[in-house]
């Protein structure tokens, strides 16, 4: 890679400071412009991928957990066209690094991350987009703002399209085949796999483990039984949509911090039972 990148059309110049990472489609660098502003620059020889990622990020630009795009251009390197995006640089660590650095992550912290993540993905889903490549590397903790951010939008597609990019270890299709599940259930399953990674600090290979192994691994976790049962139910697609799932996840979170899960469940049962008795009595009186 050159020490500097000058866009063919906009003529903006960026000095390469360091390499951040690379994936199947492109490479990301930390760069600065001529005013010493720091950015992240993603470059690839795949014009379609870069153009589609720009389109997605631009459509979701009002969501505050998505980096802002500042420039899109192309450049010739070794007589070959390359295309690049310039966006916010996030000074932070990935969830993979976070899990490795913190051997004793609390259940509270992990469930908090899950709540934030499902909130973000729900907002994207509301805008008719599905984020498929959910994995620890694509979720960053912004150290400056103490905020969770999502990166790498190459896997994001509109709801009327199928997945084109995903990581097998975190994707439902690698673990179980169920044509009857909704896209929301797929999203829930994928986030659950990420959460399991945080608990065990390990990426499970679907070529070495199957779905039954996965359930056994979760059952052997030394964590709150309520959390454990919730994870298993999420893997089994008990929750039909994100709204129901998020509501249940909040109850689980309250159980972890306040041990109030049983209380909420008793209230729910009493309310449902009372309502049933009332309706039965009302119907009885009407028919009498």
C-alpha atoms as a PDB file:
ATOM      1  CA  UNK A   1       0.000   0.000   0.000  1.00  0.00           C
ATOM      2  CA  UNK A   2       1.215   3.491  -0.845  1.00  0.00           C
ATOM      3  CA  UNK A   3       2.165   5.899   1.956  1.00  0.00           C
ATOM      4  CA  UNK A   4      -0.532   8.230   0.685  1.00  0.00           C
ATOM      5  CA  UNK A   5      -3.790   7.852  -1.208  1.00  0.00           C
ATOM      6  CA  UNK A   6      -5.176  10.570  -3.464  1.00  0.00           C
ATOM      7  CA  UNK A   7      -8.697  10.095  -4.824  1.00  0.00           C
ATOM      8  CA  UNK A   8      -9.051  10.258  -8.590  1.00  0.00           C
ATOM      9  CA  UNK A   9     -12.201  12.383  -8.566  1.00  0.00           C
ATOM     10  CA  UNK A  10     -12.327  14.363  -5.315  1.00  0.00           C
ATOM     11  CA  UNK A  11      -8.532  14.748  -5.121  1.00  0.00           C
ATOM     12  CA  UNK A  12      -8.558  14.367  -1.343  1.00  0.00           C
ATOM     13  CA  UNK A  13      -5.216  13.179   0.012  1.00  0.00           C
ATOM     14  CA  UNK A  14      -4.891  10.698   2.889  1.00  0.00           C
ATOM     15  CA  UNK A  15      -1.668   9.627   4.561  1.00  0.00           C
ATOM     16  CA  UNK A  16      -1.605   5.997   5.711  1.00  0.00           C
ATOM     17  CA  UNK A  17      -0.652   5.751   9.398  1.00  0.00           C
ATOM     18  CA  UNK A  18      -1.193   2.053  10.075  1.00  0.00           C
ATOM     19  CA  UNK A  19      -3.095  -1.019   8.998  1.00  0.00           C
ATOM     20  CA  UNK A  20      -6.170  -1.779  11.116  1.00  0.00           C
ATOM     21  CA  UNK A  21      -7.216  -5.080   9.600  1.00  0.00           C
ATOM     22  CA  UNK A  22      -8.345  -6.944   6.515  1.00  0.00           C
ATOM     23  CA  UNK A  23     -11.146  -9.263   5.457  1.00  0.00           C
ATOM     24  CA  UNK A  24     -12.400 -11.171   2.475  1.00  0.00           C
ATOM     25  CA  UNK A  25     -13.379  -8.044   0.579  1.00  0.00           C
ATOM     26  CA  UNK A  26     -11.000  -5.265   1.589  1.00  0.00           C
ATOM     27  CA  UNK A  27      -8.373  -3.795   3.885  1.00  0.00           C
ATOM     28  CA  UNK A  28      -8.845  -1.027   6.445  1.00  0.00           C
ATOM     29  CA  UNK A  29      -6.221   1.566   7.319  1.00  0.00           C
ATOM     30  CA  UNK A  30      -5.914   4.324   9.845  1.00  0.00           C
ATOM     31  CA  UNK A  31      -5.254   7.508   7.865  1.00  0.00           C
ATOM     32  CA  UNK A  32      -5.119  11.282   8.284  1.00  0.00           C
ATOM     33  CA  UNK A  33      -6.065  14.029   5.864  1.00  0.00           C
ATOM     34  CA  UNK A  34      -4.110  17.193   5.133  1.00  0.00           C
ATOM     35  CA  UNK A  35      -5.638  18.863   8.203  1.00  0.00           C
ATOM     36  CA  UNK A  36      -4.464  15.972  10.426  1.00  0.00           C
ATOM     37  CA  UNK A  37      -7.987  14.682  10.962  1.00  0.00           C
ATOM     38  CA  UNK A  38      -7.948  10.941  11.679  1.00  0.00           C
ATOM     39  CA  UNK A  39     -10.163   8.541   9.693  1.00  0.00           C
ATOM     40  CA  UNK A  40     -10.544   4.892   8.826  1.00  0.00           C
ATOM     41  CA  UNK A  41     -10.150   4.092   5.121  1.00  0.00           C
ATOM     42  CA  UNK A  42     -11.468   0.853   3.616  1.00  0.00           C
ATOM     43  CA  UNK A  43     -10.059  -0.045   0.207  1.00  0.00           C
ATOM     44  CA  UNK A  44     -10.847  -2.897  -2.186  1.00  0.00           C
ATOM     45  CA  UNK A  45     -10.586  -3.818  -5.836  1.00  0.00           C
ATOM     46  CA  UNK A  46     -14.243  -4.911  -5.667  1.00  0.00           C
ATOM     47  CA  UNK A  47     -16.248  -1.920  -6.841  1.00  0.00           C
ATOM     48  CA  UNK A  48     -19.618  -3.609  -6.246  1.00  0.00           C
ATOM     49  CA  UNK A  49     -18.822  -4.406  -2.614  1.00  0.00           C
ATOM     50  CA  UNK A  50     -17.572  -0.899  -1.794  1.00  0.00           C
ATOM     51  CA  UNK A  51     -20.494   0.749  -3.619  1.00  0.00           C
ATOM     52  CA  UNK A  52     -23.051  -1.435  -1.853  1.00  0.00           C
ATOM     53  CA  UNK A  53     -21.469  -0.801   1.549  1.00  0.00           C
ATOM     54  CA  UNK A  54     -21.567   2.936   0.875  1.00  0.00           C
ATOM     55  CA  UNK A  55     -25.227   2.717  -0.097  1.00  0.00           C
ATOM     56  CA  UNK A  56     -26.126   0.793   3.086  1.00  0.00           C
ATOM     57  CA  UNK A  57     -24.173   3.064   5.430  1.00  0.00           C
ATOM     58  CA  UNK A  58     -25.612   6.144   3.784  1.00  0.00           C
ATOM     59  CA  UNK A  59     -29.142   4.767   4.205  1.00  0.00           C
ATOM     60  CA  UNK A  60     -28.477   4.144   7.902  1.00  0.00           C
ATOM     61  CA  UNK A  61     -26.525   7.343   8.542  1.00  0.00           C
ATOM     62  CA  UNK A  62     -28.999   8.652  11.122  1.00  0.00           C
ATOM     63  CA  UNK A  63     -28.237   5.747  13.468  1.00  0.00           C
ATOM     64  CA  UNK A  64     -25.622   6.897  15.973  1.00  0.00           C
ATOM     65  CA  UNK A  65     -23.887   3.510  16.306  1.00  0.00           C
ATOM     66  CA  UNK A  66     -22.769   3.508  12.668  1.00  0.00           C
ATOM     67  CA  UNK A  67     -19.612   5.342  11.495  1.00  0.00           C
ATOM     68  CA  UNK A  68     -20.185   8.408   9.313  1.00  0.00           C
ATOM     69  CA  UNK A  69     -18.951   8.271   5.698  1.00  0.00           C
ATOM     70  CA  UNK A  70     -16.977  11.315   4.534  1.00  0.00           C
ATOM     71  CA  UNK A  71     -15.586  10.343   1.151  1.00  0.00           C
ATOM     72  CA  UNK A  72     -15.855   7.735  -1.586  1.00  0.00           C
ATOM     73  CA  UNK A  73     -13.418   7.599  -4.462  1.00  0.00           C
ATOM     74  CA  UNK A  74     -11.061   5.377  -6.444  1.00  0.00           C
ATOM     75  CA  UNK A  75      -7.357   5.136  -7.180  1.00  0.00           C
ATOM     76  CA  UNK A  76      -5.113   3.079  -9.442  1.00  0.00           C
ATOM     77  CA  UNK A  77      -2.553   0.891  -7.680  1.00  0.00           C
ATOM     78  CA  UNK A  78      -0.175  -1.140  -9.849  1.00  0.00           C
ATOM     79  CA  UNK A  79      -2.332  -0.291 -12.853  1.00  0.00           C
ATOM     80  CA  UNK A  80      -5.418  -1.769 -11.194  1.00  0.00           C
ATOM     81  CA  UNK A  81      -8.471   0.187 -10.042  1.00  0.00           C
ATOM     82  CA  UNK A  82      -9.176   0.198  -6.313  1.00  0.00           C
ATOM     83  CA  UNK A  83     -12.149   1.782  -4.591  1.00  0.00           C
ATOM     84  CA  UNK A  84     -12.257   3.240  -1.106  1.00  0.00           C
ATOM     85  CA  UNK A  85     -14.474   4.655   1.630  1.00  0.00           C
ATOM     86  CA  UNK A  86     -13.368   7.151   4.252  1.00  0.00           C
ATOM     87  CA  UNK A  87     -15.257   7.031   7.538  1.00  0.00           C
ATOM     88  CA  UNK A  88     -15.026   7.715  11.264  1.00  0.00           C
ATOM     89  CA  UNK A  89     -12.032   6.161  12.976  1.00  0.00           C
ATOM     90  CA  UNK A  90     -13.127   4.413  16.167  1.00  0.00           C
ATOM     91  CA  UNK A  91     -10.470   4.271  18.842  1.00  0.00           C
ATOM     92  CA  UNK A  92     -11.566   1.156  20.644  1.00  0.00           C
ATOM     93  CA  UNK A  93     -11.350  -2.594  21.036  1.00  0.00           C
ATOM     94  CA  UNK A  94     -13.417  -5.373  19.493  1.00  0.00           C
ATOM     95  CA  UNK A  95     -15.599  -7.658  21.579  1.00  0.00           C
ATOM     96  CA  UNK A  96     -13.135 -10.444  20.767  1.00  0.00           C
ATOM     97  CA  UNK A  97     -10.329  -8.439  22.370  1.00  0.00           C
ATOM     98  CA  UNK A  98     -12.620  -7.456  25.239  1.00  0.00           C
ATOM     99  CA  UNK A  99     -13.421 -11.105  26.002  1.00  0.00           C
ATOM    100  CA  UNK A 100      -9.753 -12.088  25.901  1.00  0.00           C
ATOM    101  CA  UNK A 101      -8.609  -9.192  28.080  1.00  0.00           C
ATOM    102  CA  UNK A 102     -11.336  -9.741  30.676  1.00  0.00           C
ATOM    103  CA  UNK A 103     -11.285 -13.328  31.890  1.00  0.00           C
ATOM    104  CA  UNK A 104     -14.063 -12.689  34.379  1.00  0.00           C
ATOM    105  CA  UNK A 105     -16.634 -10.696  32.456  1.00  0.00           C
ATOM    106  CA  UNK A 106     -19.715 -10.442  34.618  1.00  0.00           C
ATOM    107  CA  UNK A 107     -23.081 -11.756  33.493  1.00  0.00           C
ATOM    108  CA  UNK A 108     -24.391  -8.231  33.959  1.00  0.00           C
ATOM    109  CA  UNK A 109     -21.882  -6.824  31.444  1.00  0.00           C
ATOM    110  CA  UNK A 110     -22.547  -9.539  28.885  1.00  0.00           C
ATOM    111  CA  UNK A 111     -26.331  -9.180  29.094  1.00  0.00           C
ATOM    112  CA  UNK A 112     -25.913  -5.384  28.892  1.00  0.00           C
ATOM    113  CA  UNK A 113     -23.962  -5.821  25.645  1.00  0.00           C
ATOM    114  CA  UNK A 114     -26.661  -8.179  24.353  1.00  0.00           C
ATOM    115  CA  UNK A 115     -29.382  -5.622  25.115  1.00  0.00           C
ATOM    116  CA  UNK A 116     -27.529  -2.837  23.321  1.00  0.00           C
ATOM    117  CA  UNK A 117     -26.734  -5.042  20.343  1.00  0.00           C
ATOM    118  CA  UNK A 118     -30.309  -6.284  19.897  1.00  0.00           C
ATOM    119  CA  UNK A 119     -31.537  -2.689  20.167  1.00  0.00           C
ATOM    120  CA  UNK A 120     -29.173  -1.643  17.367  1.00  0.00           C
ATOM    121  CA  UNK A 121     -30.080  -4.563  15.124  1.00  0.00           C
ATOM    122  CA  UNK A 122     -33.778  -3.939  15.725  1.00  0.00           C
ATOM    123  CA  UNK A 123     -33.345  -0.343  14.548  1.00  0.00           C
ATOM    124  CA  UNK A 124     -31.640  -1.572  11.386  1.00  0.00           C
ATOM    125  CA  UNK A 125     -34.376  -4.172  10.904  1.00  0.00           C
ATOM    126  CA  UNK A 126     -37.007  -1.425  11.223  1.00  0.00           C
ATOM    127  CA  UNK A 127     -35.266   0.340   8.351  1.00  0.00           C
ATOM    128  CA  UNK A 128     -35.587  -2.891   6.309  1.00  0.00           C
ATOM    129  CA  UNK A 129     -31.975  -3.995   6.615  1.00  0.00           C
ATOM    130  CA  UNK A 130     -30.531  -7.227   8.019  1.00  0.00           C
ATOM    131  CA  UNK A 131     -27.018  -7.441   9.463  1.00  0.00           C
ATOM    132  CA  UNK A 132     -25.808 -11.013   8.874  1.00  0.00           C
ATOM    133  CA  UNK A 133     -22.127 -11.039   9.782  1.00  0.00           C
ATOM    134  CA  UNK A 134     -22.552 -10.731  13.542  1.00  0.00           C
ATOM    135  CA  UNK A 135     -19.242 -11.600  15.185  1.00  0.00           C
ATOM    136  CA  UNK A 136     -17.015 -10.173  17.949  1.00  0.00           C
ATOM    137  CA  UNK A 137     -14.643  -8.545  15.452  1.00  0.00           C
ATOM    138  CA  UNK A 138     -17.430  -6.379  13.998  1.00  0.00           C
ATOM    139  CA  UNK A 139     -18.581  -4.974  17.327  1.00  0.00           C
ATOM    140  CA  UNK A 140     -16.326  -2.288  18.817  1.00  0.00           C
ATOM    141  CA  UNK A 141     -16.289  -0.588  22.188  1.00  0.00           C
ATOM    142  CA  UNK A 142     -15.452   3.065  21.556  1.00  0.00           C
ATOM    143  CA  UNK A 143     -13.044   3.983  24.372  1.00  0.00           C
ATOM    144  CA  UNK A 144     -13.506   7.724  23.901  1.00  0.00           C
ATOM    145  CA  UNK A 145     -17.294   7.724  24.148  1.00  0.00           C
ATOM    146  CA  UNK A 146     -17.723   4.460  26.082  1.00  0.00           C
ATOM    147  CA  UNK A 147     -20.166   3.302  23.423  1.00  0.00           C
ATOM    148  CA  UNK A 148     -20.722   0.148  21.407  1.00  0.00           C
ATOM    149  CA  UNK A 149     -20.348   0.637  17.645  1.00  0.00           C
ATOM    150  CA  UNK A 150     -20.974  -1.670  14.686  1.00  0.00           C
ATOM    151  CA  UNK A 151     -18.559  -1.832  11.758  1.00  0.00           C
ATOM    152  CA  UNK A 152     -18.203  -3.683   8.433  1.00  0.00           C
ATOM    153  CA  UNK A 153     -21.455  -3.408   6.515  1.00  0.00           C
ATOM    154  CA  UNK A 154     -20.549  -5.700   3.649  1.00  0.00           C
ATOM    155  CA  UNK A 155     -22.956  -8.327   5.001  1.00  0.00           C
ATOM    156  CA  UNK A 156     -25.925  -5.966   5.361  1.00  0.00           C
ATOM    157  CA  UNK A 157     -28.696  -6.554   2.847  1.00  0.00           C
ATOM    158  CA  UNK A 158     -32.290  -5.432   2.469  1.00  0.00           C
ATOM    159  CA  UNK A 159     -34.885  -7.756   3.974  1.00  0.00           C
ATOM    160  CA  UNK A 160     -35.988  -9.017   0.567  1.00  0.00           C
ATOM    161  CA  UNK A 161     -32.516 -10.450  -0.126  1.00  0.00           C
ATOM    162  CA  UNK A 162     -30.565 -13.409   1.231  1.00  0.00           C
ATOM    163  CA  UNK A 163     -27.221 -13.351   3.034  1.00  0.00           C
ATOM    164  CA  UNK A 164     -24.124 -12.971   0.887  1.00  0.00           C
ATOM    165  CA  UNK A 165     -21.454 -12.638   3.595  1.00  0.00           C
ATOM    166  CA  UNK A 166     -21.380 -14.220   7.040  1.00  0.00           C
ATOM    167  CA  UNK A 167     -19.074 -16.021   9.470  1.00  0.00           C
ATOM    168  CA  UNK A 168     -20.142 -19.691   9.888  1.00  0.00           C
ATOM    169  CA  UNK A 169     -19.377 -19.860  13.625  1.00  0.00           C
ATOM    170  CA  UNK A 170     -22.057 -17.264  14.368  1.00  0.00           C
ATOM    171  CA  UNK A 171     -24.597 -17.968  11.659  1.00  0.00           C
ATOM    172  CA  UNK A 172     -27.696 -20.116  12.146  1.00  0.00           C
ATOM    173  CA  UNK A 173     -27.375 -21.893   8.799  1.00  0.00           C
ATOM    174  CA  UNK A 174     -24.126 -23.492   9.981  1.00  0.00           C
ATOM    175  CA  UNK A 175     -25.706 -25.008  13.080  1.00  0.00           C
ATOM    176  CA  UNK A 176     -29.216 -26.039  12.182  1.00  0.00           C
ATOM    177  CA  UNK A 177     -31.446 -26.185   9.133  1.00  0.00           C
ATOM    178  CA  UNK A 178     -34.934 -24.848   9.695  1.00  0.00           C
ATOM    179  CA  UNK A 179     -36.782 -23.327   6.763  1.00  0.00           C
ATOM    180  CA  UNK A 180     -39.663 -22.229   8.986  1.00  0.00           C
ATOM    181  CA  UNK A 181     -37.738 -19.675  11.036  1.00  0.00           C
ATOM    182  CA  UNK A 182     -38.139 -15.959  10.398  1.00  0.00           C
ATOM    183  CA  UNK A 183     -35.311 -13.529   9.701  1.00  0.00           C
ATOM    184  CA  UNK A 184     -35.856 -12.086  13.150  1.00  0.00           C
ATOM    185  CA  UNK A 185     -35.267 -15.519  14.674  1.00  0.00           C
ATOM    186  CA  UNK A 186     -32.103 -15.886  12.605  1.00  0.00           C
ATOM    187  CA  UNK A 187     -30.934 -12.532  13.959  1.00  0.00           C
ATOM    188  CA  UNK A 188     -31.672 -13.647  17.532  1.00  0.00           C
ATOM    189  CA  UNK A 189     -29.796 -16.933  17.015  1.00  0.00           C
ATOM    190  CA  UNK A 190     -26.767 -15.150  15.557  1.00  0.00           C
ATOM    191  CA  UNK A 191     -26.525 -12.709  18.468  1.00  0.00           C
ATOM    192  CA  UNK A 192     -26.862 -15.635  20.885  1.00  0.00           C
ATOM    193  CA  UNK A 193     -23.798 -17.278  19.333  1.00  0.00           C
ATOM    194  CA  UNK A 194     -21.845 -14.068  19.870  1.00  0.00           C
ATOM    195  CA  UNK A 195     -22.941 -13.986  23.522  1.00  0.00           C
ATOM    196  CA  UNK A 196     -21.825 -17.608  24.004  1.00  0.00           C
ATOM    197  CA  UNK A 197     -18.403 -16.568  22.689  1.00  0.00           C
ATOM    198  CA  UNK A 198     -18.210 -13.857  25.366  1.00  0.00           C
ATOM    199  CA  UNK A 199     -19.026 -16.381  28.088  1.00  0.00           C
ATOM    200  CA  UNK A 200     -16.467 -18.989  27.004  1.00  0.00           C
ATOM    201  CA  UNK A 201     -13.932 -16.715  25.219  1.00  0.00           C
ATOM    202  CA  UNK A 202     -13.849 -19.172  22.354  1.00  0.00           C
ATOM    203  CA  UNK A 203     -15.143 -19.398  18.801  1.00  0.00           C
ATOM    204  CA  UNK A 204     -16.997 -22.675  18.240  1.00  0.00           C
ATOM    205  CA  UNK A 205     -16.332 -24.314  14.894  1.00  0.00           C
ATOM    206  CA  UNK A 206     -19.529 -25.828  13.373  1.00  0.00           C
ATOM    207  CA  UNK A 207     -17.331 -28.374  11.576  1.00  0.00           C
ATOM    208  CA  UNK A 208     -16.208 -29.760  14.945  1.00  0.00           C
ATOM    209  CA  UNK A 209     -19.384 -29.282  16.982  1.00  0.00           C
ATOM    210  CA  UNK A 210     -23.058 -29.784  16.171  1.00  0.00           C
ATOM    211  CA  UNK A 211     -26.209 -28.207  17.608  1.00  0.00           C
ATOM    212  CA  UNK A 212     -26.492 -30.805  20.390  1.00  0.00           C
ATOM    213  CA  UNK A 213     -22.885 -30.119  21.414  1.00  0.00           C
ATOM    214  CA  UNK A 214     -23.781 -26.453  21.531  1.00  0.00           C
ATOM    215  CA  UNK A 215     -26.628 -27.062  23.982  1.00  0.00           C
ATOM    216  CA  UNK A 216     -24.368 -29.209  26.184  1.00  0.00           C
ATOM    217  CA  UNK A 217     -21.700 -26.483  26.240  1.00  0.00           C
ATOM    218  CA  UNK A 218     -24.287 -23.924  27.369  1.00  0.00           C
ATOM    219  CA  UNK A 219     -25.677 -26.271  30.046  1.00  0.00           C
ATOM    220  CA  UNK A 220     -22.175 -26.692  31.472  1.00  0.00           C
ATOM    221  CA  UNK A 221     -21.614 -22.946  31.817  1.00  0.00           C
ATOM    222  CA  UNK A 222     -21.173 -21.848  35.425  1.00  0.00           C
ATOM    223  CA  UNK A 223     -23.640 -18.988  35.182  1.00  0.00           C
ATOM    224  CA  UNK A 224     -27.054 -17.991  36.499  1.00  0.00           C
ATOM    225  CA  UNK A 225     -29.547 -20.742  35.581  1.00  0.00           C
ATOM    226  CA  UNK A 226     -32.033 -18.139  34.352  1.00  0.00           C
ATOM    227  CA  UNK A 227     -29.443 -16.769  31.919  1.00  0.00           C
ATOM    228  CA  UNK A 228     -28.451 -20.283  30.857  1.00  0.00           C
ATOM    229  CA  UNK A 229     -32.060 -21.305  30.173  1.00  0.00           C
ATOM    230  CA  UNK A 230     -32.664 -18.097  28.243  1.00  0.00           C
ATOM    231  CA  UNK A 231     -29.657 -18.753  25.998  1.00  0.00           C
ATOM    232  CA  UNK A 232     -30.888 -22.276  25.257  1.00  0.00           C
ATOM    233  CA  UNK A 233     -34.397 -21.040  24.484  1.00  0.00           C
ATOM    234  CA  UNK A 234     -32.905 -18.438  22.144  1.00  0.00           C
ATOM    235  CA  UNK A 235     -30.925 -21.115  20.309  1.00  0.00           C
ATOM    236  CA  UNK A 236     -34.093 -23.201  19.970  1.00  0.00           C
ATOM    237  CA  UNK A 237     -35.937 -20.244  18.392  1.00  0.00           C
ATOM    238  CA  UNK A 238     -38.574 -20.002  21.080  1.00  0.00           C
ATOM    239  CA  UNK A 239     -38.885 -16.245  20.607  1.00  0.00           C
ATOM    240  CA  UNK A 240     -40.883 -15.437  17.480  1.00  0.00           C
ATOM    241  CA  UNK A 241     -39.732 -11.860  16.967  1.00  0.00           C
ATOM    242  CA  UNK A 242     -37.269  -9.279  18.231  1.00  0.00           C
ATOM    243  CA  UNK A 243     -39.879  -7.370  20.242  1.00  0.00           C
ATOM    244  CA  UNK A 244     -40.760 -10.420  22.363  1.00  0.00           C
ATOM    245  CA  UNK A 245     -37.108 -11.408  22.652  1.00  0.00           C
ATOM    246  CA  UNK A 246     -36.028  -7.947  23.807  1.00  0.00           C
ATOM    247  CA  UNK A 247     -38.778  -7.861  26.437  1.00  0.00           C
ATOM    248  CA  UNK A 248     -37.679 -11.238  27.827  1.00  0.00           C
ATOM    249  CA  UNK A 249     -34.021 -10.216  27.716  1.00  0.00           C
ATOM    250  CA  UNK A 250     -34.788  -7.161  29.853  1.00  0.00           C
ATOM    251  CA  UNK A 251     -36.488  -9.417  32.413  1.00  0.00           C
ATOM    252  CA  UNK A 252     -33.413 -11.655  32.444  1.00  0.00           C
ATOM    253  CA  UNK A 253     -31.200  -8.581  32.905  1.00  0.00           C
ATOM    254  CA  UNK A 254     -33.303  -7.481  35.888  1.00  0.00           C
ATOM    255  CA  UNK A 255     -32.971 -10.952  37.350  1.00  0.00           C
ATOM    256  CA  UNK A 256     -29.204 -10.705  37.133  1.00  0.00           C
ATOM    257  CA  UNK A 257     -28.890  -7.292  38.777  1.00  0.00           C
ATOM    258  CA  UNK A 258     -31.820  -7.469  41.200  1.00  0.00           C
ATOM    259  CA  UNK A 259     -32.744 -11.145  41.351  1.00  0.00           C
ATOM    260  CA  UNK A 260     -36.277 -10.128  40.402  1.00  0.00           C
ATOM    261  CA  UNK A 261     -36.941 -12.640  37.648  1.00  0.00           C
ATOM    262  CA  UNK A 262     -39.052 -14.885  39.862  1.00  0.00           C
ATOM    263  CA  UNK A 263     -41.015 -11.890  41.064  1.00  0.00           C
ATOM    264  CA  UNK A 264     -41.854 -10.799  37.510  1.00  0.00           C
ATOM    265  CA  UNK A 265     -42.802 -14.324  36.509  1.00  0.00           C
ATOM    266  CA  UNK A 266     -45.126 -14.713  39.523  1.00  0.00           C
ATOM    267  CA  UNK A 267     -46.798 -11.387  38.704  1.00  0.00           C
ATOM    268  CA  UNK A 268     -47.258 -12.474  35.076  1.00  0.00           C
ATOM    269  CA  UNK A 269     -48.748 -15.810  36.108  1.00  0.00           C
ATOM    270  CA  UNK A 270     -51.063 -14.237  38.692  1.00  0.00           C
ATOM    271  CA  UNK A 271     -52.233 -11.620  36.213  1.00  0.00           C
ATOM    272  CA  UNK A 272     -52.896 -14.185  33.483  1.00  0.00           C
ATOM    273  CA  UNK A 273     -54.686 -16.490  35.915  1.00  0.00           C
ATOM    274  CA  UNK A 274     -56.802 -13.676  37.355  1.00  0.00           C
ATOM    275  CA  UNK A 275     -57.746 -12.495  33.891  1.00  0.00           C
ATOM    276  CA  UNK A 276     -58.751 -16.020  32.865  1.00  0.00           C
ATOM    277  CA  UNK A 277     -60.912 -16.441  35.985  1.00  0.00           C
ATOM    278  CA  UNK A 278     -62.525 -13.063  35.414  1.00  0.00           C
ATOM    279  CA  UNK A 279     -63.342 -13.840  31.781  1.00  0.00           C
ATOM    280  CA  UNK A 280     -64.706 -17.241  32.742  1.00  0.00           C
ATOM    281  CA  UNK A 281     -66.902 -15.679  35.438  1.00  0.00           C
ATOM    282  CA  UNK A 282     -68.066 -12.966  33.046  1.00  0.00           C
ATOM    283  CA  UNK A 283     -68.975 -15.529  30.406  1.00  0.00           C
ATOM    284  CA  UNK A 284     -70.767 -17.642  33.017  1.00  0.00           C
ATOM    285  CA  UNK A 285     -72.869 -14.690  34.148  1.00  0.00           C
ATOM    286  CA  UNK A 286     -73.777 -13.793  30.560  1.00  0.00           C
ATOM    287  CA  UNK A 287     -74.931 -17.310  29.794  1.00  0.00           C
ATOM    288  CA  UNK A 288     -76.779 -17.830  33.048  1.00  0.00           C
END
